[in-house]
Each structure stands twice: as structure tokens, then as C-alpha cells.
């Protein structure tokens, strides 16, 4: 939504043709999309966002001060190399600038015990960086910049591989011990001693009373 909103503003500023802008914004296809898929998606997401949650996992702004500044510095260090390497080729690319702004601003919002907001919302701008990196690997004529990008990607992959290895080991050891911590049935059981982020982020309770499931779901849920 942010990408589309910013690009729309840029188009409006450049076009200066009010009639043409109104005609394109309120086109039949846009209106039909907003009244169908748009409403469905909004109702679906509100079913989770409006769900009562413990304060520690609710949405809040993050104020970096003191030693916490080091946390934000880690975010910067993980993104800055890609920003610099991609800059020369994409300095006139609006997608590059929107993605860059998002990646540096997203860490200021927190939701979930382990800040799921930061991890999940960053997927889209990181995907944009990914596409730009692929384009640069195949089409960049400056070999120094191309090899620098490849080295940066290799170094960055170490963290991703470590995350995957940790996830596999945790799940494997949990199931081997008979502790199905990551199963859906565990998350759905409020009586079990499960962290709040798993209880409230991955399962919606009282489904029968949710607008999405009550009026839009394909099948009625049975008790």
C-alpha cells in the first residue's frame, strides 16, 4: 500500500492533469477491486489486529535511547551495505528509495514479543532489494560493483542459514521430546504454558464471533 501510495503521489505531481488522474484513480476496475477483494482483506486483517492482546505484544512505537541505540545500529548495519552497493544503479529508481526508507523506518514500530512486525513487514522492501540485486548481478557493467554485491550477499546469507539451522534444530528436538510447541493445536490451547506471542499472534480465538468467519468464510464452523 505504501509503495502504491507514494508512486501515486509522484504520478499526480508529474501529471498535473487533474481530470486524467481522477479518471484513472476512480476507474471501474479500481472501484470493483476496492468493493470486493479490498473489503475482504480489510475485514480479515482487522480480525487479528482488533483481537485483545497482552500489552507486551501489542503494537507500539520504539524509542531508541542509551544502550538500545546499539539495537538500531544493528538494523542499520544489516541494510546499509546493500543500500550503498545498489545506489549507483538505482539512484533514479523510486522503488529503491521507497524500499530504503521503509527498511530504516520499520524498526521504530514493534508488534509481537520478538517484534514480528519488523520481521514480517520488511519482507516487501527486502523483496524489492532482492529484485534490484538480481538485476544488478546480470546487467551491471561495473565489475567491481557487481563482485562487491555478490560478496555482500554471501556474507548476508550466513545469518539466514544460521536462522534456518536454529529453526530446524528447535522443531526437531521439540517433537523428539514430545513437546509439540510449534503445532497449531498447541497455540490454540490457552491452558498450556505457551509464550503470549505464540498464543495470540498465530491463532484467532472465538472464530464464530468474527465478521470474516461469520459472513465471508466458505463453510460454517462447527463446535
Protein backbone atom coordinates (compact mmCIF):
# COMPACT_ATOMS: atom_id res chain seq x y z
CA UNK A 1 0.00 0.00 0.00
CA UNK A 2 2.81 2.41 0.86
CA UNK A 3 4.56 1.71 -2.45
CA UNK A 4 1.37 2.36 -4.40
CA UNK A 5 0.51 5.46 -2.35
CA UNK A 6 3.92 7.09 -2.85
CA UNK A 7 4.04 6.19 -6.55
CA UNK A 8 0.53 7.63 -6.97
CA UNK A 9 1.64 10.93 -5.39
CA UNK A 10 4.66 11.06 -7.70
CA UNK A 11 2.40 10.41 -10.70
CA UNK A 12 -0.02 13.15 -9.58
CA UNK A 13 2.79 15.68 -9.14
CA UNK A 14 4.27 14.87 -12.55
CA UNK A 15 0.98 14.62 -14.44
CA UNK A 16 -0.76 17.85 -13.33
CA UNK A 17 -3.81 16.68 -15.31
CA UNK A 18 -6.48 16.52 -12.60
CA UNK A 19 -9.19 15.05 -14.85
CA UNK A 20 -6.90 12.29 -16.09
CA UNK A 21 -5.81 11.49 -12.51
CA UNK A 22 -9.39 11.29 -11.19
CA UNK A 23 -10.41 9.13 -14.14
CA UNK A 24 -7.59 6.65 -13.51
CA UNK A 25 -7.95 6.57 -9.72
CA UNK A 26 -11.71 6.01 -9.83
CA UNK A 27 -11.66 3.62 -12.76
CA UNK A 28 -14.21 0.80 -12.87
CA UNK A 29 -11.50 -1.80 -12.19
CA UNK A 30 -10.23 0.08 -9.11
CA UNK A 31 -13.74 0.55 -7.71
CA UNK A 32 -14.65 -3.12 -8.22
CA UNK A 33 -11.38 -4.23 -6.62
CA UNK A 34 -11.91 -1.98 -3.60
CA UNK A 35 -15.50 -3.19 -3.09
CA UNK A 36 -14.62 -6.87 -3.38
CA UNK A 37 -11.12 -8.02 -2.55
CA UNK A 38 -10.29 -4.80 -0.69
CA UNK A 39 -13.15 -5.14 1.81
CA UNK A 40 -12.47 -8.86 2.31
CA UNK A 41 -8.80 -8.25 3.10
CA UNK A 42 -9.56 -5.36 5.47
CA UNK A 43 -12.11 -7.40 7.43
CA UNK A 44 -9.72 -10.37 7.51
CA UNK A 45 -6.79 -8.39 8.90
CA UNK A 46 -8.93 -6.44 11.38
CA UNK A 47 -9.99 -9.80 12.82
CA UNK A 48 -6.43 -10.18 14.04
CA UNK A 49 -5.47 -6.57 14.73
CA UNK A 50 -8.56 -5.90 16.87
CA UNK A 51 -8.12 -9.12 18.85
CA UNK A 52 -7.45 -8.29 22.54
CA UNK A 53 -3.79 -8.98 23.26
CA UNK A 54 -1.43 -8.61 26.23
CA UNK A 55 0.26 -5.22 26.34
CA UNK A 56 3.76 -6.60 25.81
CA UNK A 57 2.92 -7.98 22.36
CA UNK A 58 0.62 -5.17 21.16
CA UNK A 59 1.64 -2.56 18.59
CA UNK A 60 3.78 0.28 19.95
CA UNK A 61 6.46 2.76 18.91
CA UNK A 62 10.07 2.02 19.77
CA UNK A 63 12.17 4.82 21.27
CA UNK A 64 15.87 4.09 20.92
CA UNK A 65 17.98 5.61 23.66
CA UNK A 66 21.02 4.66 25.70
CA UNK A 67 22.21 1.12 25.03
CA UNK A 68 19.13 0.45 22.86
CA UNK A 69 20.71 2.60 20.15
CA UNK A 70 23.04 -0.35 19.53
CA UNK A 71 19.99 -2.41 18.55
CA UNK A 72 19.01 0.11 15.89
CA UNK A 73 22.66 0.26 14.80
CA UNK A 74 22.44 -3.49 14.09
CA UNK A 75 19.43 -2.85 11.85
CA UNK A 76 21.41 -0.17 10.00
CA UNK A 77 24.47 -2.39 9.58
CA UNK A 78 22.34 -5.21 8.15
CA UNK A 79 20.81 -2.94 5.48
CA UNK A 80 23.39 -0.22 4.77
CA UNK A 81 25.82 -2.35 2.66
CA UNK A 82 23.02 -3.21 0.21
CA UNK A 83 21.82 0.40 0.15
CA UNK A 84 25.29 1.63 -0.79
CA UNK A 85 26.03 -1.07 -3.38
CA UNK A 86 22.66 -0.65 -5.12
CA UNK A 87 22.72 3.17 -5.01
CA UNK A 88 24.65 3.99 -8.17
CA UNK A 89 22.47 1.84 -10.42
CA UNK A 90 19.14 2.76 -8.78
CA UNK A 91 19.50 6.38 -7.66
CA UNK A 92 16.65 7.37 -10.02
CA UNK A 93 14.51 4.33 -9.18
CA UNK A 94 11.51 5.24 -6.99
CA UNK A 95 11.13 1.63 -5.81
CA UNK A 96 14.69 1.74 -4.46
CA UNK A 97 14.08 4.90 -2.44
CA UNK A 98 10.72 3.74 -1.05
CA UNK A 99 12.17 0.37 -0.04
CA UNK A 100 15.18 2.06 1.56
CA UNK A 101 13.03 4.47 3.58
CA UNK A 102 10.82 1.60 4.80
CA UNK A 103 13.77 -0.55 5.86
CA UNK A 104 15.15 2.25 8.03
CA UNK A 105 11.75 3.25 9.50
CA UNK A 106 10.19 -0.18 10.17
CA UNK A 107 12.36 -0.86 13.27
CA UNK A 108 10.63 2.06 15.02
CA UNK A 109 7.39 0.06 15.24
CA UNK A 110 7.05 -3.02 17.45
CA UNK A 111 4.39 -5.73 17.49
CA UNK A 112 4.82 -9.20 18.98
CA UNK A 113 7.11 -10.38 21.74
CA UNK A 114 10.04 -10.75 19.33
CA UNK A 115 8.90 -7.89 17.09
CA UNK A 116 7.16 -9.91 14.40
CA UNK A 117 6.20 -6.57 12.81
CA UNK A 118 9.81 -5.79 11.95
CA UNK A 119 10.47 -9.27 10.57
CA UNK A 120 7.29 -9.60 8.51
CA UNK A 121 6.69 -6.06 7.22
CA UNK A 122 10.29 -5.81 5.99
CA UNK A 123 9.68 -8.73 3.60
CA UNK A 124 8.27 -6.47 0.84
CA UNK A 125 11.06 -3.83 0.77
CA UNK A 126 13.64 -6.63 1.10
CA UNK A 127 11.99 -8.33 -1.88
CA UNK A 128 12.43 -5.09 -3.85
CA UNK A 129 16.12 -5.05 -2.86
CA UNK A 130 16.30 -8.68 -3.97
CA UNK A 131 14.92 -7.88 -7.44
CA UNK A 132 17.31 -4.94 -7.78
CA UNK A 133 20.22 -7.15 -6.71
CA UNK A 134 19.31 -9.81 -9.31
CA UNK A 135 19.09 -7.12 -11.98
CA UNK A 136 22.50 -5.79 -10.94
CA UNK A 137 24.11 -9.25 -10.96
CA UNK A 138 23.04 -9.83 -14.57
CA UNK A 139 23.24 -6.35 -16.06
CA UNK A 140 25.80 -4.27 -14.15
CA UNK A 141 28.79 -3.40 -16.37
CA UNK A 142 30.97 -2.24 -13.48
CA UNK A 143 32.60 -5.50 -12.39
CA UNK A 144 33.84 -4.07 -9.11
CA UNK A 145 30.31 -3.13 -8.02
CA UNK A 146 28.94 -6.46 -9.24
CA UNK A 147 31.52 -8.51 -7.30
CA UNK A 148 31.06 -6.29 -4.27
CA UNK A 149 27.34 -7.06 -4.33
CA UNK A 150 27.99 -10.80 -4.64
CA UNK A 151 30.37 -10.73 -1.65
CA UNK A 152 27.80 -8.76 0.36
CA UNK A 153 25.10 -11.33 -0.49
CA UNK A 154 27.35 -14.21 0.54
CA UNK A 155 28.14 -12.56 3.90
CA UNK A 156 24.46 -11.76 4.43
CA UNK A 157 23.46 -15.37 3.72
CA UNK A 158 25.39 -16.58 6.78
CA UNK A 159 22.79 -15.05 9.11
CA UNK A 160 19.91 -16.56 7.11
CA UNK A 161 21.48 -20.03 7.12
CA UNK A 162 22.04 -19.78 10.88
CA UNK A 163 18.36 -18.88 11.39
CA UNK A 164 17.25 -21.87 9.31
CA UNK A 165 19.59 -24.23 11.16
CA UNK A 166 18.31 -22.99 14.54
CA UNK A 167 14.66 -23.36 13.49
CA UNK A 168 15.17 -26.92 12.23
CA UNK A 169 17.02 -27.97 15.40
CA UNK A 170 14.39 -26.44 17.71
CA UNK A 171 11.47 -28.09 15.93
CA UNK A 172 13.25 -31.45 15.65
CA UNK A 173 14.27 -31.52 19.31
CA UNK A 174 10.79 -30.38 20.39
CA UNK A 175 8.98 -33.13 18.51
CA UNK A 176 11.53 -35.74 19.60
CA UNK A 177 10.84 -34.82 23.23
CA UNK A 178 7.09 -34.97 22.68
CA UNK A 179 6.72 -31.21 23.13
CA UNK A 180 4.81 -30.05 20.08
CA UNK A 181 5.36 -26.40 20.88
CA UNK A 182 5.08 -25.24 17.29
CA UNK A 183 1.92 -27.14 16.35
CA UNK A 184 -1.35 -25.31 15.68
CA UNK A 185 -3.19 -27.30 18.35
CA UNK A 186 -0.69 -26.12 20.97
CA UNK A 187 -1.13 -22.49 20.00
CA UNK A 188 -4.91 -22.92 20.17
CA UNK A 189 -4.84 -24.16 23.74
CA UNK A 190 -4.83 -21.25 26.19
CA UNK A 191 -4.46 -23.53 29.21
CA UNK A 192 -0.95 -24.60 28.22
CA UNK A 193 2.18 -22.72 29.23
CA UNK A 194 2.98 -21.18 25.85
CA UNK A 195 4.56 -17.72 25.30
CA UNK A 196 1.99 -14.97 24.67
CA UNK A 197 3.31 -14.16 21.23
CA UNK A 198 2.57 -17.71 20.07
CA UNK A 199 -0.81 -17.76 21.78
CA UNK A 200 -2.11 -14.51 20.35
CA UNK A 201 -0.23 -13.96 17.07
CA UNK A 202 -0.79 -17.26 15.33
CA UNK A 203 -4.32 -18.22 16.30
CA UNK A 204 -7.60 -16.31 16.43
CA UNK A 205 -9.99 -17.34 19.22
CA UNK A 206 -13.80 -17.16 19.23
CA UNK A 207 -13.98 -17.59 15.46
CA UNK A 208 -17.78 -17.77 15.40
CA UNK A 209 -17.99 -14.15 16.53
CA UNK A 210 -15.56 -12.79 13.91
CA UNK A 211 -17.11 -10.94 10.96
CA UNK A 212 -14.82 -12.62 8.44
CA UNK A 213 -15.63 -16.16 9.54
CA UNK A 214 -19.28 -15.40 10.29
CA UNK A 215 -20.21 -13.82 6.98
CA UNK A 216 -17.38 -14.37 4.48
CA UNK A 217 -15.91 -17.80 5.25
CA UNK A 218 -16.85 -20.53 2.78
CA UNK A 219 -18.02 -23.01 5.43
CA UNK A 220 -19.71 -22.58 8.76
CA UNK A 221 -17.52 -23.74 11.62
CA UNK A 222 -18.89 -26.49 13.79
CA UNK A 223 -18.30 -26.84 17.51
